[in-house]
Amino acid sequence: MDPELLERITARRAELDELEEQLAKQLAEEANVVICRVDDTPEG
């Protein structure tokens, strides 16, 4: 495989990994907000 192409693929994969990590953190934060709101909901 062309070394330049391999370098581009590797760089893009690193970008995607970083975006995936950011998304996972955002989803975890949103899930926490939802859980907190459910816990604060009065029963009955």
N, C-alpha and C. Protein backbone atom coordinates (compact mmCIF):
# COMPACT_ATOMS: atom_id res chain seq x y z
N MET A 1 0.85 -1.19 0.00
CA MET A 1 0.00 0.00 0.00
C MET A 1 0.88 1.24 0.00
N ASP A 2 0.42 2.26 -0.67
CA ASP A 2 1.14 3.53 -0.76
C ASP A 2 1.32 4.12 0.65
N PRO A 3 2.55 4.44 1.05
CA PRO A 3 2.80 4.97 2.39
C PRO A 3 2.02 6.27 2.67
N GLU A 4 1.87 7.12 1.67
CA GLU A 4 1.13 8.37 1.86
C GLU A 4 -0.35 8.08 2.12
N LEU A 5 -0.90 7.14 1.39
CA LEU A 5 -2.29 6.75 1.59
C LEU A 5 -2.47 6.14 2.99
N LEU A 6 -1.55 5.29 3.39
CA LEU A 6 -1.61 4.69 4.71
C LEU A 6 -1.55 5.75 5.80
N GLU A 7 -0.71 6.77 5.60
CA GLU A 7 -0.61 7.86 6.57
C GLU A 7 -1.93 8.64 6.65
N ARG A 8 -2.55 8.89 5.51
CA ARG A 8 -3.83 9.60 5.48
C ARG A 8 -4.92 8.78 6.18
N ILE A 9 -4.93 7.49 5.93
CA ILE A 9 -5.91 6.61 6.56
C ILE A 9 -5.71 6.61 8.08
N THR A 10 -4.47 6.51 8.51
CA THR A 10 -4.15 6.49 9.94
C THR A 10 -4.57 7.80 10.60
N ALA A 11 -4.31 8.93 9.94
CA ALA A 11 -4.68 10.24 10.49
C ALA A 11 -6.20 10.36 10.58
N ARG A 12 -6.88 9.90 9.55
CA ARG A 12 -8.35 9.98 9.56
C ARG A 12 -8.94 9.08 10.65
N ARG A 13 -8.34 7.90 10.82
CA ARG A 13 -8.82 6.99 11.86
C ARG A 13 -8.66 7.63 13.24
N ALA A 14 -7.54 8.34 13.45
CA ALA A 14 -7.32 9.02 14.73
C ALA A 14 -8.38 10.10 14.94
N GLU A 15 -8.72 10.85 13.88
CA GLU A 15 -9.77 11.86 13.98
C GLU A 15 -11.11 11.21 14.34
N LEU A 16 -11.42 10.11 13.69
CA LEU A 16 -12.69 9.42 13.96
C LEU A 16 -12.72 8.85 15.38
N ASP A 17 -11.60 8.34 15.85
CA ASP A 17 -11.53 7.83 17.23
C ASP A 17 -11.81 8.95 18.23
N GLU A 18 -11.24 10.13 17.96
CA GLU A 18 -11.45 11.28 18.84
C GLU A 18 -12.92 11.71 18.83
N LEU A 19 -13.51 11.76 17.65
CA LEU A 19 -14.93 12.12 17.54
C LEU A 19 -15.81 11.10 18.26
N GLU A 20 -15.47 9.82 18.13
CA GLU A 20 -16.22 8.77 18.81
C GLU A 20 -16.15 8.95 20.32
N GLU A 21 -14.98 9.29 20.82
CA GLU A 21 -14.80 9.50 22.26
C GLU A 21 -15.63 10.69 22.74
N GLN A 22 -15.61 11.78 21.96
CA GLN A 22 -16.40 12.96 22.32
C GLN A 22 -17.89 12.64 22.33
N LEU A 23 -18.35 11.90 21.35
CA LEU A 23 -19.75 11.52 21.28
C LEU A 23 -20.15 10.64 22.46
N ALA A 24 -19.30 9.70 22.81
CA ALA A 24 -19.58 8.83 23.95
C ALA A 24 -19.70 9.65 25.23
N LYS A 25 -18.84 10.65 25.40
CA LYS A 25 -18.91 11.50 26.59
C LYS A 25 -20.20 12.31 26.60
N GLN A 26 -20.58 12.84 25.44
CA GLN A 26 -21.82 13.62 25.35
C GLN A 26 -23.03 12.74 25.66
N LEU A 27 -23.04 11.55 25.13
CA LEU A 27 -24.16 10.64 25.39
C LEU A 27 -24.23 10.26 26.86
N ALA A 28 -23.09 10.04 27.48
CA ALA A 28 -23.06 9.72 28.91
C ALA A 28 -23.59 10.89 29.73
N GLU A 29 -23.22 12.11 29.36
CA GLU A 29 -23.70 13.29 30.07
C GLU A 29 -25.22 13.43 29.90
N GLU A 30 -25.71 13.23 28.69
CA GLU A 30 -27.15 13.32 28.44
C GLU A 30 -27.91 12.25 29.23
N ALA A 31 -27.36 11.04 29.25
CA ALA A 31 -28.00 9.96 30.01
C ALA A 31 -28.05 10.32 31.49
N ASN A 32 -27.02 10.93 31.99
CA ASN A 32 -26.97 11.34 33.39
C ASN A 32 -28.03 12.40 33.67
N VAL A 33 -28.20 13.34 32.76
CA VAL A 33 -29.22 14.38 32.92
C VAL A 33 -30.61 13.75 32.94
N VAL A 34 -30.85 12.81 32.05
CA VAL A 34 -32.15 12.14 32.01
C VAL A 34 -32.40 11.38 33.31
N ILE A 35 -31.40 10.67 33.78
CA ILE A 35 -31.54 9.91 35.03
C ILE A 35 -31.82 10.86 36.19
N CYS A 36 -31.11 11.98 36.24
CA CYS A 36 -31.34 12.95 37.31
C CYS A 36 -32.74 13.51 37.25
N ARG A 37 -33.24 13.78 36.06
CA ARG A 37 -34.59 14.32 35.92
C ARG A 37 -35.63 13.29 36.35
N VAL A 38 -35.40 12.04 36.03
CA VAL A 38 -36.33 10.99 36.45
C VAL A 38 -36.32 10.86 37.97
N ASP A 39 -35.14 10.94 38.56
CA ASP A 39 -35.03 10.86 40.01
C ASP A 39 -35.73 12.02 40.70
N ASP A 40 -35.79 13.18 40.06
CA ASP A 40 -36.41 14.38 40.64
C ASP A 40 -37.91 14.44 40.39
N THR A 41 -38.43 13.54 39.59
CA THR A 41 -39.86 13.54 39.28
C THR A 41 -40.65 13.07 40.49
N PRO A 42 -41.64 13.87 40.90
CA PRO A 42 -42.47 13.42 42.03
C PRO A 42 -43.28 12.19 41.67
N GLU A 43 -43.39 11.28 42.60
CA GLU A 43 -44.15 10.05 42.36
C GLU A 43 -45.63 10.31 42.66
N GLY A 44 -46.49 9.69 41.83
CA GLY A 44 -47.89 9.69 42.11
C GLY A 44 -48.61 10.88 41.65
